[in-house]
Amino acid sequence: MEEIARSKAELRKQYLTLRKQLADKFRKDQAIFQNLIGWEGYRKAPWLLLYLSTEEEVDTTRILEEALSQGKAVYAPVCRAEEEGKMDFYRVRSSGLLAPGAYGILEPPREEPMPGQLPPGSLCLTPGLAFDQKGCRLGYGKGYYDRFLQRGQVLAAGLCYEALFVQNLPEGPFDQRVEAVITEKSFYKLRDRKE
C-alpha cells in the first residue's frame, strides 16, 4: 500500500506538470466535448453526474449547458467539509446558480439532493489527472470518486487529454475503474459495467 501511495504521489507531480504544459487546451476541450456527445452512453443517459472543472481540468462548462438544454437531470458534487473523502450530489438547474465551495471549486446550491436510487443508464463523468487502458484513474488523492463509484450505480467515464491516457497506472485495493475514457482523439470503451 505504501509503495502504491508513493508511486501515485510521484506520478501526480509529473502529470500535473505535464497537464500545465499542454498546448491548445481550448481546441482539445472542444474535441473531447464532440467525442462525448457522439457517444451512445451519453446520449441515452437520463441523468448526468458531472464534475465542475477547474481551469486546468478538461472543461465541463459546455457539457453542462448541453446536458441542461437536452433536458437531462444534471447533478454535481459538493464535498463534505466535515467528512474528508465524502461528497454528495445536488441538482444543477442553471450554471448561473453555481458558486465556489470546497477547494475553490464551483458547487450547486444544496437544495435538491440526488435521490438514492438512480435511473438505469445514469452516467458519471469523473475527473482525473490520468487514466489508463484498464480504466484505472489517478485522481488527486482524496478518494472522493473512489468512494462514490464503489456503490456501482452508474456508468463511469473519464475525461482526459490523450497525453495523459497511459498504458498502466498503479492501482490500490480501493481504487475504482471507469468503463470508458474520452479524449480529444477518441472514445475508448475499456470494459463493461460491473453489475
N, C-alpha and C. Protein backbone atom coordinates (compact mmCIF):
# COMPACT_ATOMS: atom_id res chain seq x y z
N MET A 1 0.83 -1.22 0.00
CA MET A 1 0.00 0.00 0.00
C MET A 1 0.86 1.27 0.00
N GLU A 2 1.90 1.29 0.86
CA GLU A 2 2.75 2.47 0.94
C GLU A 2 3.49 2.71 -0.37
N GLU A 3 3.92 1.61 -0.99
CA GLU A 3 4.64 1.73 -2.26
C GLU A 3 3.72 2.30 -3.34
N ILE A 4 2.47 1.83 -3.37
CA ILE A 4 1.50 2.34 -4.34
C ILE A 4 1.25 3.83 -4.09
N ALA A 5 1.09 4.21 -2.83
CA ALA A 5 0.85 5.62 -2.48
C ALA A 5 2.02 6.50 -2.91
N ARG A 6 3.25 6.02 -2.69
CA ARG A 6 4.43 6.79 -3.09
C ARG A 6 4.49 6.94 -4.60
N SER A 7 4.22 5.83 -5.29
CA SER A 7 4.24 5.84 -6.75
C SER A 7 3.19 6.81 -7.31
N LYS A 8 2.00 6.79 -6.73
CA LYS A 8 0.94 7.70 -7.17
C LYS A 8 1.33 9.16 -6.91
N ALA A 9 1.91 9.43 -5.76
CA ALA A 9 2.31 10.81 -5.43
C ALA A 9 3.34 11.32 -6.43
N GLU A 10 4.27 10.47 -6.81
CA GLU A 10 5.29 10.87 -7.78
C GLU A 10 4.66 11.12 -9.15
N LEU A 11 3.77 10.22 -9.56
CA LEU A 11 3.10 10.39 -10.85
C LEU A 11 2.23 11.64 -10.86
N ARG A 12 1.59 11.92 -9.72
CA ARG A 12 0.76 13.12 -9.62
C ARG A 12 1.57 14.37 -9.95
N LYS A 13 2.76 14.46 -9.37
CA LYS A 13 3.63 15.63 -9.65
C LYS A 13 3.95 15.71 -11.13
N GLN A 14 4.34 14.56 -11.71
CA GLN A 14 4.70 14.54 -13.14
C GLN A 14 3.53 14.96 -14.02
N TYR A 15 2.36 14.37 -13.74
CA TYR A 15 1.21 14.62 -14.61
C TYR A 15 0.63 16.02 -14.42
N LEU A 16 0.72 16.57 -13.22
CA LEU A 16 0.29 17.96 -13.02
C LEU A 16 1.15 18.89 -13.87
N THR A 17 2.45 18.64 -13.87
CA THR A 17 3.37 19.45 -14.68
C THR A 17 3.07 19.28 -16.16
N LEU A 18 2.88 18.04 -16.57
CA LEU A 18 2.59 17.77 -17.99
C LEU A 18 1.30 18.44 -18.41
N ARG A 19 0.28 18.36 -17.58
CA ARG A 19 -1.01 18.96 -17.94
C ARG A 19 -0.90 20.47 -18.10
N LYS A 20 -0.11 21.10 -17.22
CA LYS A 20 0.09 22.56 -17.32
C LYS A 20 0.78 22.95 -18.62
N GLN A 21 1.58 22.04 -19.16
CA GLN A 21 2.36 22.35 -20.36
C GLN A 21 1.62 22.04 -21.66
N LEU A 22 0.46 21.40 -21.57
CA LEU A 22 -0.26 21.03 -22.79
C LEU A 22 -0.68 22.27 -23.57
N ALA A 23 -0.46 22.22 -24.86
CA ALA A 23 -0.82 23.35 -25.72
C ALA A 23 -2.24 23.17 -26.26
N ASP A 24 -2.85 24.28 -26.67
CA ASP A 24 -4.12 24.27 -27.38
C ASP A 24 -5.25 23.63 -26.58
N LYS A 25 -5.35 23.98 -25.31
CA LYS A 25 -6.35 23.40 -24.42
C LYS A 25 -7.78 23.60 -24.94
N PHE A 26 -8.08 24.81 -25.43
CA PHE A 26 -9.44 25.09 -25.89
C PHE A 26 -9.86 24.12 -27.00
N ARG A 27 -8.98 23.91 -27.98
CA ARG A 27 -9.30 23.00 -29.09
C ARG A 27 -9.47 21.57 -28.58
N LYS A 28 -8.60 21.16 -27.66
CA LYS A 28 -8.70 19.81 -27.11
C LYS A 28 -10.02 19.64 -26.35
N ASP A 29 -10.40 20.65 -25.56
CA ASP A 29 -11.66 20.58 -24.81
C ASP A 29 -12.86 20.47 -25.76
N GLN A 30 -12.81 21.20 -26.87
CA GLN A 30 -13.90 21.14 -27.84
C GLN A 30 -14.00 19.75 -28.48
N ALA A 31 -12.84 19.16 -28.79
CA ALA A 31 -12.83 17.82 -29.39
C ALA A 31 -13.34 16.77 -28.40
N ILE A 32 -12.98 16.91 -27.12
CA ILE A 32 -13.48 15.99 -26.10
C ILE A 32 -15.00 16.10 -25.99
N PHE A 33 -15.50 17.33 -26.01
CA PHE A 33 -16.95 17.57 -25.98
C PHE A 33 -17.63 16.85 -27.14
N GLN A 34 -17.10 17.00 -28.35
CA GLN A 34 -17.71 16.36 -29.53
C GLN A 34 -17.67 14.83 -29.42
N ASN A 35 -16.56 14.29 -28.94
CA ASN A 35 -16.46 12.83 -28.79
C ASN A 35 -17.42 12.32 -27.72
N LEU A 36 -17.62 13.11 -26.68
CA LEU A 36 -18.56 12.72 -25.62
C LEU A 36 -19.99 12.70 -26.13
N ILE A 37 -20.43 13.80 -26.75
CA ILE A 37 -21.84 13.87 -27.13
C ILE A 37 -22.19 12.92 -28.27
N GLY A 38 -21.17 12.43 -28.97
CA GLY A 38 -21.41 11.43 -30.01
C GLY A 38 -21.52 10.01 -29.47
N TRP A 39 -21.23 9.85 -28.19
CA TRP A 39 -21.24 8.52 -27.57
C TRP A 39 -22.65 8.15 -27.12
N GLU A 40 -23.05 6.95 -27.44
CA GLU A 40 -24.39 6.46 -27.09
C GLU A 40 -24.63 6.47 -25.57
N GLY A 41 -23.59 6.16 -24.79
CA GLY A 41 -23.72 6.17 -23.33
C GLY A 41 -24.11 7.53 -22.79
N TYR A 42 -23.61 8.58 -23.43
CA TYR A 42 -24.01 9.94 -23.04
C TYR A 42 -25.42 10.24 -23.57
N ARG A 43 -25.65 9.95 -24.84
CA ARG A 43 -26.93 10.31 -25.45
C ARG A 43 -28.11 9.67 -24.71
N LYS A 44 -27.94 8.42 -24.27
CA LYS A 44 -29.03 7.70 -23.63
C LYS A 44 -29.15 7.97 -22.13
N ALA A 45 -28.15 8.62 -21.54
CA ALA A 45 -28.16 8.82 -20.08
C ALA A 45 -29.26 9.80 -19.67
N PRO A 46 -30.22 9.37 -18.83
CA PRO A 46 -31.26 10.29 -18.38
C PRO A 46 -30.71 11.28 -17.36
N TRP A 47 -29.75 10.81 -16.55
CA TRP A 47 -29.12 11.66 -15.54
C TRP A 47 -27.63 11.72 -15.82
N LEU A 48 -27.06 12.90 -15.61
CA LEU A 48 -25.63 13.10 -15.78
C LEU A 48 -25.06 13.62 -14.47
N LEU A 49 -24.11 12.89 -13.91
CA LEU A 49 -23.38 13.32 -12.73
C LEU A 49 -22.07 13.90 -13.23
N LEU A 50 -21.88 15.17 -13.02
CA LEU A 50 -20.83 15.91 -13.72
C LEU A 50 -19.96 16.68 -12.75
N TYR A 51 -18.65 16.46 -12.82
CA TYR A 51 -17.75 17.31 -12.03
C TYR A 51 -17.70 18.69 -12.66
N LEU A 52 -17.53 19.70 -11.85
CA LEU A 52 -17.42 21.07 -12.34
C LEU A 52 -15.94 21.41 -12.35
N SER A 53 -15.42 21.63 -13.55
CA SER A 53 -13.98 21.66 -13.77
C SER A 53 -13.29 22.90 -13.22
N THR A 54 -12.01 22.69 -12.86
CA THR A 54 -11.11 23.79 -12.53
C THR A 54 -10.49 24.25 -13.85
N GLU A 55 -9.67 25.29 -13.79
CA GLU A 55 -9.08 25.87 -15.00
C GLU A 55 -8.22 24.87 -15.78
N GLU A 56 -7.54 23.98 -15.08
CA GLU A 56 -6.59 23.09 -15.76
C GLU A 56 -7.21 21.76 -16.18
N GLU A 57 -8.37 21.42 -15.64
CA GLU A 57 -9.02 20.16 -16.00
C GLU A 57 -9.72 20.27 -17.34
N VAL A 58 -10.09 19.12 -17.90
CA VAL A 58 -10.94 19.14 -19.10
C VAL A 58 -12.19 19.93 -18.76
N ASP A 59 -12.47 20.93 -19.57
CA ASP A 59 -13.57 21.86 -19.28
C ASP A 59 -14.93 21.17 -19.41
N THR A 60 -15.76 21.34 -18.38
CA THR A 60 -17.10 20.73 -18.42
C THR A 60 -18.21 21.77 -18.58
N THR A 61 -17.86 23.02 -18.78
CA THR A 61 -18.87 24.09 -18.89
C THR A 61 -19.84 23.83 -20.05
N ARG A 62 -19.28 23.53 -21.20
CA ARG A 62 -20.13 23.32 -22.39
C ARG A 62 -20.95 22.04 -22.24
N ILE A 63 -20.37 21.03 -21.60
CA ILE A 63 -21.10 19.77 -21.36
C ILE A 63 -22.31 20.04 -20.49
N LEU A 64 -22.11 20.85 -19.44
CA LEU A 64 -23.22 21.21 -18.54
C LEU A 64 -24.34 21.89 -19.31
N GLU A 65 -24.00 22.89 -20.10
CA GLU A 65 -25.02 23.64 -20.85
C GLU A 65 -25.74 22.74 -21.85
N GLU A 66 -24.99 21.87 -22.51
CA GLU A 66 -25.59 20.96 -23.49
C GLU A 66 -26.56 20.00 -22.82
N ALA A 67 -26.13 19.42 -21.70
CA ALA A 67 -26.98 18.46 -20.98
C ALA A 67 -28.26 19.12 -20.48
N LEU A 68 -28.14 20.34 -19.94
CA LEU A 68 -29.33 21.06 -19.48
C LEU A 68 -30.27 21.36 -20.64
N SER A 69 -29.71 21.77 -21.78
CA SER A 69 -30.55 22.10 -22.94
C SER A 69 -31.26 20.86 -23.49
N GLN A 70 -30.69 19.68 -23.25
CA GLN A 70 -31.30 18.43 -23.72
C GLN A 70 -32.31 17.87 -22.71
N GLY A 71 -32.47 18.54 -21.60
CA GLY A 71 -33.43 18.09 -20.60
C GLY A 71 -32.93 16.99 -19.69
N LYS A 72 -31.61 16.74 -19.69
CA LYS A 72 -31.08 15.75 -18.76
C LYS A 72 -31.10 16.32 -17.34
N ALA A 73 -31.31 15.45 -16.37
CA ALA A 73 -31.15 15.86 -14.97
C ALA A 73 -29.66 15.85 -14.69
N VAL A 74 -29.12 17.00 -14.31
CA VAL A 74 -27.68 17.12 -14.07
C VAL A 74 -27.44 17.32 -12.57
N TYR A 75 -26.51 16.53 -12.05
CA TYR A 75 -26.12 16.63 -10.64
C TYR A 75 -24.61 16.85 -10.56
N ALA A 76 -24.20 17.69 -9.63
CA ALA A 76 -22.78 17.98 -9.45
C ALA A 76 -22.40 17.77 -7.98
N PRO A 77 -21.13 17.46 -7.73
CA PRO A 77 -20.72 17.12 -6.37
C PRO A 77 -20.51 18.32 -5.46
N VAL A 78 -20.79 18.07 -4.19
CA VAL A 78 -20.46 19.00 -3.11
C VAL A 78 -19.67 18.19 -2.09
N CYS A 79 -18.44 18.61 -1.83
CA CYS A 79 -17.60 17.88 -0.87
C CYS A 79 -18.04 18.20 0.55
N ARG A 80 -18.10 17.17 1.37
CA ARG A 80 -18.48 17.37 2.77
C ARG A 80 -17.27 17.86 3.56
N ALA A 81 -17.38 19.07 4.08
CA ALA A 81 -16.26 19.66 4.83
C ALA A 81 -15.97 18.86 6.10
N GLU A 82 -17.02 18.31 6.69
CA GLU A 82 -16.87 17.61 7.96
C GLU A 82 -16.37 16.17 7.80
N GLU A 83 -16.44 15.62 6.59
CA GLU A 83 -16.02 14.23 6.36
C GLU A 83 -15.15 14.17 5.11
N GLU A 84 -13.84 14.24 5.28
CA GLU A 84 -12.96 14.23 4.12
C GLU A 84 -13.14 12.94 3.32
N GLY A 85 -13.15 13.10 2.01
CA GLY A 85 -13.29 11.94 1.13
C GLY A 85 -14.73 11.62 0.78
N LYS A 86 -15.69 12.33 1.37
CA LYS A 86 -17.10 12.05 1.06
C LYS A 86 -17.72 13.26 0.38
N MET A 87 -18.60 12.96 -0.55
CA MET A 87 -19.29 14.03 -1.28
C MET A 87 -20.72 13.61 -1.54
N ASP A 88 -21.55 14.61 -1.77
CA ASP A 88 -22.94 14.41 -2.13
C ASP A 88 -23.19 15.14 -3.44
N PHE A 89 -24.17 14.67 -4.19
CA PHE A 89 -24.51 15.33 -5.46
C PHE A 89 -25.82 16.08 -5.29
N TYR A 90 -25.86 17.29 -5.90
CA TYR A 90 -27.05 18.13 -5.87
C TYR A 90 -27.40 18.54 -7.30
N ARG A 91 -28.69 18.76 -7.52
CA ARG A 91 -29.20 19.10 -8.85
C ARG A 91 -28.69 20.47 -9.29
N VAL A 92 -28.30 20.54 -10.54
CA VAL A 92 -27.90 21.82 -11.16
C VAL A 92 -29.03 22.22 -12.11
N ARG A 93 -29.68 23.31 -11.80
CA ARG A 93 -30.76 23.81 -12.67
C ARG A 93 -30.26 24.85 -13.65
N SER A 94 -29.17 25.57 -13.26
CA SER A 94 -28.62 26.62 -14.10
C SER A 94 -27.17 26.87 -13.70
N SER A 95 -26.32 27.12 -14.68
CA SER A 95 -24.92 27.41 -14.36
C SER A 95 -24.80 28.71 -13.58
N GLY A 96 -25.79 29.58 -13.72
CA GLY A 96 -25.76 30.87 -13.00
C GLY A 96 -25.92 30.73 -11.50
N LEU A 97 -26.35 29.56 -11.03
CA LEU A 97 -26.55 29.35 -9.60
C LEU A 97 -25.35 28.70 -8.92
N LEU A 98 -24.30 28.41 -9.69
CA LEU A 98 -23.12 27.76 -9.12
C LEU A 98 -22.28 28.80 -8.37
N ALA A 99 -21.64 28.34 -7.30
CA ALA A 99 -20.79 29.24 -6.50
C ALA A 99 -19.59 28.46 -5.98
N PRO A 100 -18.44 29.13 -5.77
CA PRO A 100 -17.26 28.42 -5.26
C PRO A 100 -17.52 27.79 -3.90
N GLY A 101 -17.04 26.55 -3.75
CA GLY A 101 -17.19 25.83 -2.49
C GLY A 101 -15.85 25.32 -2.04
N ALA A 102 -15.81 24.06 -1.60
CA ALA A 102 -14.57 23.45 -1.11
C ALA A 102 -13.50 23.49 -2.20
N TYR A 103 -12.29 23.79 -1.80
CA TYR A 103 -11.13 23.84 -2.70
C TYR A 103 -11.31 24.89 -3.81
N GLY A 104 -12.26 25.82 -3.65
CA GLY A 104 -12.49 26.85 -4.66
C GLY A 104 -13.21 26.34 -5.89
N ILE A 105 -13.71 25.10 -5.85
CA ILE A 105 -14.40 24.50 -6.99
C ILE A 105 -15.88 24.91 -6.96
N LEU A 106 -16.44 25.18 -8.13
CA LEU A 106 -17.85 25.55 -8.21
C LEU A 106 -18.73 24.41 -7.70
N GLU A 107 -19.79 24.78 -7.00
CA GLU A 107 -20.75 23.80 -6.48
C GLU A 107 -22.17 24.31 -6.71
N PRO A 108 -23.13 23.37 -6.84
CA PRO A 108 -24.53 23.78 -6.97
C PRO A 108 -25.09 24.14 -5.59
N PRO A 109 -26.23 24.83 -5.57
CA PRO A 109 -26.87 25.08 -4.27
C PRO A 109 -27.27 23.75 -3.62
N ARG A 110 -27.23 23.70 -2.32
CA ARG A 110 -27.57 22.46 -1.60
C ARG A 110 -29.07 22.40 -1.36
N GLU A 111 -29.83 22.43 -2.44
CA GLU A 111 -31.28 22.48 -2.34
C GLU A 111 -31.96 21.18 -2.76
N GLU A 112 -31.44 20.55 -3.82
CA GLU A 112 -32.07 19.32 -4.34
C GLU A 112 -31.06 18.18 -4.34
N PRO A 113 -30.96 17.45 -3.22
CA PRO A 113 -30.02 16.33 -3.19
C PRO A 113 -30.42 15.23 -4.16
N MET A 114 -29.42 14.55 -4.68
CA MET A 114 -29.69 13.44 -5.59
C MET A 114 -30.35 12.31 -4.83
N PRO A 115 -31.43 11.76 -5.35
CA PRO A 115 -32.07 10.62 -4.68
C PRO A 115 -31.12 9.43 -4.61
N GLY A 116 -31.39 8.53 -3.68
CA GLY A 116 -30.53 7.35 -3.51
C GLY A 116 -30.58 6.39 -4.67
N GLN A 117 -31.72 6.32 -5.34
CA GLN A 117 -31.87 5.40 -6.47
C GLN A 117 -31.78 6.17 -7.77
N LEU A 118 -30.82 5.80 -8.61
CA LEU A 118 -30.63 6.48 -9.90
C LEU A 118 -31.28 5.66 -11.00
N PRO A 119 -31.82 6.34 -12.03
CA PRO A 119 -32.39 5.57 -13.14
C PRO A 119 -31.31 4.81 -13.89
N PRO A 120 -31.65 3.65 -14.48
CA PRO A 120 -30.68 2.89 -15.26
C PRO A 120 -30.08 3.75 -16.36
N GLY A 121 -28.78 3.55 -16.61
CA GLY A 121 -28.11 4.29 -17.68
C GLY A 121 -27.56 5.62 -17.26
N SER A 122 -27.69 5.98 -15.97
CA SER A 122 -27.13 7.25 -15.50
C SER A 122 -25.61 7.22 -15.68
N LEU A 123 -25.06 8.37 -16.03
CA LEU A 123 -23.65 8.49 -16.37
C LEU A 123 -22.94 9.43 -15.41
N CYS A 124 -21.78 9.00 -14.91
CA CYS A 124 -20.94 9.84 -14.07
C CYS A 124 -19.65 10.15 -14.80
N LEU A 125 -19.42 11.42 -15.10
CA LEU A 125 -18.16 11.84 -15.71
C LEU A 125 -17.20 12.19 -14.58
N THR A 126 -16.10 11.48 -14.53
CA THR A 126 -15.18 11.62 -13.40
C THR A 126 -13.94 12.40 -13.79
N PRO A 127 -13.46 13.24 -12.88
CA PRO A 127 -12.21 13.94 -13.15
C PRO A 127 -11.03 13.02 -12.87
N GLY A 128 -9.89 13.38 -13.38
CA GLY A 128 -8.68 12.62 -13.09
C GLY A 128 -7.50 13.28 -13.77
N LEU A 129 -6.35 13.13 -13.17
CA LEU A 129 -5.13 13.63 -13.80
C LEU A 129 -4.77 12.76 -15.00
N ALA A 130 -4.94 11.44 -14.80
CA ALA A 130 -4.61 10.49 -15.86
C ALA A 130 -5.50 9.26 -15.71
N PHE A 131 -5.66 8.56 -16.83
CA PHE A 131 -6.39 7.29 -16.85
C PHE A 131 -5.53 6.30 -17.61
N ASP A 132 -5.76 5.00 -17.35
CA ASP A 132 -5.01 4.02 -18.13
C ASP A 132 -5.95 3.13 -18.93
N GLN A 133 -5.35 2.22 -19.69
CA GLN A 133 -6.11 1.42 -20.63
C GLN A 133 -6.94 0.32 -19.97
N LYS A 134 -6.81 0.17 -18.65
CA LYS A 134 -7.67 -0.77 -17.91
C LYS A 134 -8.84 -0.03 -17.25
N GLY A 135 -8.82 1.30 -17.33
CA GLY A 135 -9.86 2.09 -16.67
C GLY A 135 -9.44 2.61 -15.31
N CYS A 136 -8.20 2.36 -14.92
CA CYS A 136 -7.71 2.91 -13.65
C CYS A 136 -7.57 4.42 -13.78
N ARG A 137 -7.76 5.09 -12.66
CA ARG A 137 -7.77 6.55 -12.64
C ARG A 137 -6.78 7.05 -11.60
N LEU A 138 -6.00 8.05 -11.96
CA LEU A 138 -5.15 8.73 -11.00
C LEU A 138 -5.83 10.05 -10.67
N GLY A 139 -6.42 10.10 -9.48
CA GLY A 139 -7.11 11.32 -9.06
C GLY A 139 -6.17 12.22 -8.28
N TYR A 140 -6.74 12.97 -7.37
CA TYR A 140 -5.96 13.95 -6.63
C TYR A 140 -5.61 13.49 -5.22
N GLY A 141 -5.97 12.25 -4.90
CA GLY A 141 -5.51 11.65 -3.66
C GLY A 141 -6.46 11.70 -2.47
N LYS A 142 -7.66 12.23 -2.66
CA LYS A 142 -8.60 12.31 -1.53
C LYS A 142 -9.61 11.17 -1.51
N GLY A 143 -9.78 10.48 -2.64
CA GLY A 143 -10.66 9.31 -2.67
C GLY A 143 -12.15 9.59 -2.82
N TYR A 144 -12.53 10.82 -3.16
CA TYR A 144 -13.95 11.15 -3.27
C TYR A 144 -14.66 10.25 -4.28
N TYR A 145 -14.13 10.18 -5.50
CA TYR A 145 -14.82 9.42 -6.54
C TYR A 145 -14.71 7.91 -6.32
N ASP A 146 -13.60 7.44 -5.76
CA ASP A 146 -13.49 6.01 -5.47
C ASP A 146 -14.58 5.58 -4.50
N ARG A 147 -14.82 6.37 -3.48
CA ARG A 147 -15.88 6.03 -2.51
C ARG A 147 -17.25 6.04 -3.17
N PHE A 148 -17.48 7.06 -4.01
CA PHE A 148 -18.78 7.16 -4.65
C PHE A 148 -19.00 6.03 -5.66
N LEU A 149 -18.02 5.76 -6.50
CA LEU A 149 -18.17 4.76 -7.55
C LEU A 149 -18.26 3.34 -7.00
N GLN A 150 -17.81 3.16 -5.78
CA GLN A 150 -17.88 1.85 -5.14
C GLN A 150 -19.32 1.34 -5.06
N ARG A 151 -20.28 2.27 -5.04
CA ARG A 151 -21.69 1.87 -4.97
C ARG A 151 -22.17 1.16 -6.23
N GLY A 152 -21.47 1.40 -7.35
CA GLY A 152 -21.78 0.70 -8.59
C GLY A 152 -23.09 1.07 -9.24
N GLN A 153 -23.61 2.27 -8.97
CA GLN A 153 -24.92 2.65 -9.51
C GLN A 153 -24.88 3.27 -10.89
N VAL A 154 -23.71 3.67 -11.34
CA VAL A 154 -23.64 4.46 -12.57
C VAL A 154 -22.62 3.89 -13.55
N LEU A 155 -22.80 4.26 -14.79
CA LEU A 155 -21.78 4.07 -15.80
C LEU A 155 -20.76 5.18 -15.57
N ALA A 156 -19.49 4.84 -15.42
CA ALA A 156 -18.47 5.85 -15.12
C ALA A 156 -17.53 6.01 -16.31
N ALA A 157 -17.29 7.27 -16.67
CA ALA A 157 -16.38 7.57 -17.78
C ALA A 157 -15.46 8.71 -17.36
N GLY A 158 -14.23 8.64 -17.82
CA GLY A 158 -13.26 9.68 -17.52
C GLY A 158 -13.06 10.60 -18.69
N LEU A 159 -12.87 11.88 -18.40
CA LEU A 159 -12.49 12.85 -19.41
C LEU A 159 -11.01 13.14 -19.22
N CYS A 160 -10.25 13.07 -20.30
CA CYS A 160 -8.80 13.08 -20.16
C CYS A 160 -8.15 13.56 -21.46
N TYR A 161 -7.02 14.23 -21.34
CA TYR A 161 -6.24 14.58 -22.54
C TYR A 161 -5.46 13.34 -22.99
N GLU A 162 -5.34 13.18 -24.30
CA GLU A 162 -4.68 11.99 -24.86
C GLU A 162 -3.28 11.77 -24.26
N ALA A 163 -2.55 12.84 -24.02
CA ALA A 163 -1.19 12.72 -23.46
C ALA A 163 -1.20 12.12 -22.05
N LEU A 164 -2.37 12.14 -21.40
CA LEU A 164 -2.50 11.62 -20.04
C LEU A 164 -3.32 10.33 -20.00
N PHE A 165 -3.56 9.77 -21.15
CA PHE A 165 -4.20 8.44 -21.25
C PHE A 165 -3.06 7.46 -21.47
N VAL A 166 -2.68 6.75 -20.43
CA VAL A 166 -1.42 6.00 -20.42
C VAL A 166 -1.69 4.49 -20.41
N GLN A 167 -0.62 3.73 -20.58
CA GLN A 167 -0.77 2.28 -20.66
C GLN A 167 -1.11 1.67 -19.30
N ASN A 168 -0.45 2.16 -18.25
CA ASN A 168 -0.61 1.49 -16.96
C ASN A 168 -0.40 2.47 -15.81
N LEU A 169 -1.31 2.43 -14.83
CA LEU A 169 -1.19 3.23 -13.61
C LEU A 169 -1.17 2.30 -12.41
N PRO A 170 -0.53 2.72 -11.30
CA PRO A 170 -0.61 1.90 -10.10
C PRO A 170 -2.05 1.85 -9.59
N GLU A 171 -2.45 0.69 -9.09
CA GLU A 171 -3.84 0.50 -8.64
C GLU A 171 -3.86 -0.05 -7.23
N GLY A 172 -4.56 0.66 -6.35
CA GLY A 172 -4.71 0.21 -4.97
C GLY A 172 -5.98 -0.59 -4.79
N PRO A 173 -6.14 -1.23 -3.63
CA PRO A 173 -7.30 -2.10 -3.41
C PRO A 173 -8.65 -1.37 -3.38
N PHE A 174 -8.65 -0.06 -3.13
CA PHE A 174 -9.91 0.68 -3.04
C PHE A 174 -10.20 1.50 -4.31
N ASP A 175 -9.28 1.45 -5.27
CA ASP A 175 -9.45 2.22 -6.49
C ASP A 175 -10.58 1.64 -7.34
N GLN A 176 -11.38 2.52 -7.90
CA GLN A 176 -12.50 2.13 -8.76
C GLN A 176 -12.18 2.49 -10.20
N ARG A 177 -12.44 1.57 -11.10
CA ARG A 177 -12.17 1.80 -12.52
C ARG A 177 -13.37 2.43 -13.22
N VAL A 178 -13.08 3.11 -14.32
CA VAL A 178 -14.14 3.64 -15.18
C VAL A 178 -14.34 2.68 -16.35
N GLU A 179 -15.49 2.76 -16.97
CA GLU A 179 -15.80 1.89 -18.11
C GLU A 179 -15.34 2.46 -19.44
N ALA A 180 -15.12 3.77 -19.48
CA ALA A 180 -14.73 4.42 -20.74
C ALA A 180 -13.89 5.65 -20.44
N VAL A 181 -13.09 6.04 -21.42
CA VAL A 181 -12.32 7.28 -21.34
C VAL A 181 -12.54 8.04 -22.65
N ILE A 182 -12.78 9.33 -22.53
CA ILE A 182 -12.96 10.17 -23.71
C ILE A 182 -11.83 11.18 -23.74
N THR A 183 -11.09 11.19 -24.86
CA THR A 183 -10.01 12.16 -25.05
C THR A 183 -10.32 12.99 -26.29
N GLU A 184 -9.41 13.91 -26.61
CA GLU A 184 -9.60 14.71 -27.83
C GLU A 184 -9.41 13.88 -29.09
N LYS A 185 -8.75 12.73 -28.97
CA LYS A 185 -8.51 11.87 -30.13
C LYS A 185 -9.63 10.89 -30.39
N SER A 186 -10.21 10.34 -29.30
CA SER A 186 -11.15 9.25 -29.50
C SER A 186 -11.99 8.97 -28.25
N PHE A 187 -12.94 8.07 -28.44
CA PHE A 187 -13.70 7.48 -27.34
C PHE A 187 -13.17 6.07 -27.15
N TYR A 188 -12.83 5.70 -25.92
CA TYR A 188 -12.28 4.37 -25.64
C TYR A 188 -13.21 3.63 -24.69
N LYS A 189 -13.84 2.58 -25.19
CA LYS A 189 -14.60 1.70 -24.30
C LYS A 189 -13.62 0.69 -23.73
N LEU A 190 -13.49 0.65 -22.41
CA LEU A 190 -12.45 -0.17 -21.79
C LEU A 190 -13.00 -1.47 -21.23
N ARG A 191 -14.23 -1.45 -20.76
CA ARG A 191 -14.82 -2.65 -20.17
C ARG A 191 -16.30 -2.43 -20.01
N ASP A 192 -17.03 -3.49 -19.77
CA ASP A 192 -18.45 -3.37 -19.49
C ASP A 192 -18.65 -3.06 -18.03
N ARG A 193 -19.71 -2.39 -17.74
CA ARG A 193 -20.03 -2.05 -16.36
C ARG A 193 -20.28 -3.31 -15.54
N LYS A 194 -19.70 -3.34 -14.34
CA LYS A 194 -19.97 -4.50 -13.48
C LYS A 194 -21.32 -4.30 -12.83
N GLU A 195 -22.09 -5.33 -12.80
CA GLU A 195 -23.44 -5.24 -12.21
C GLU A 195 -23.42 -5.71 -10.79
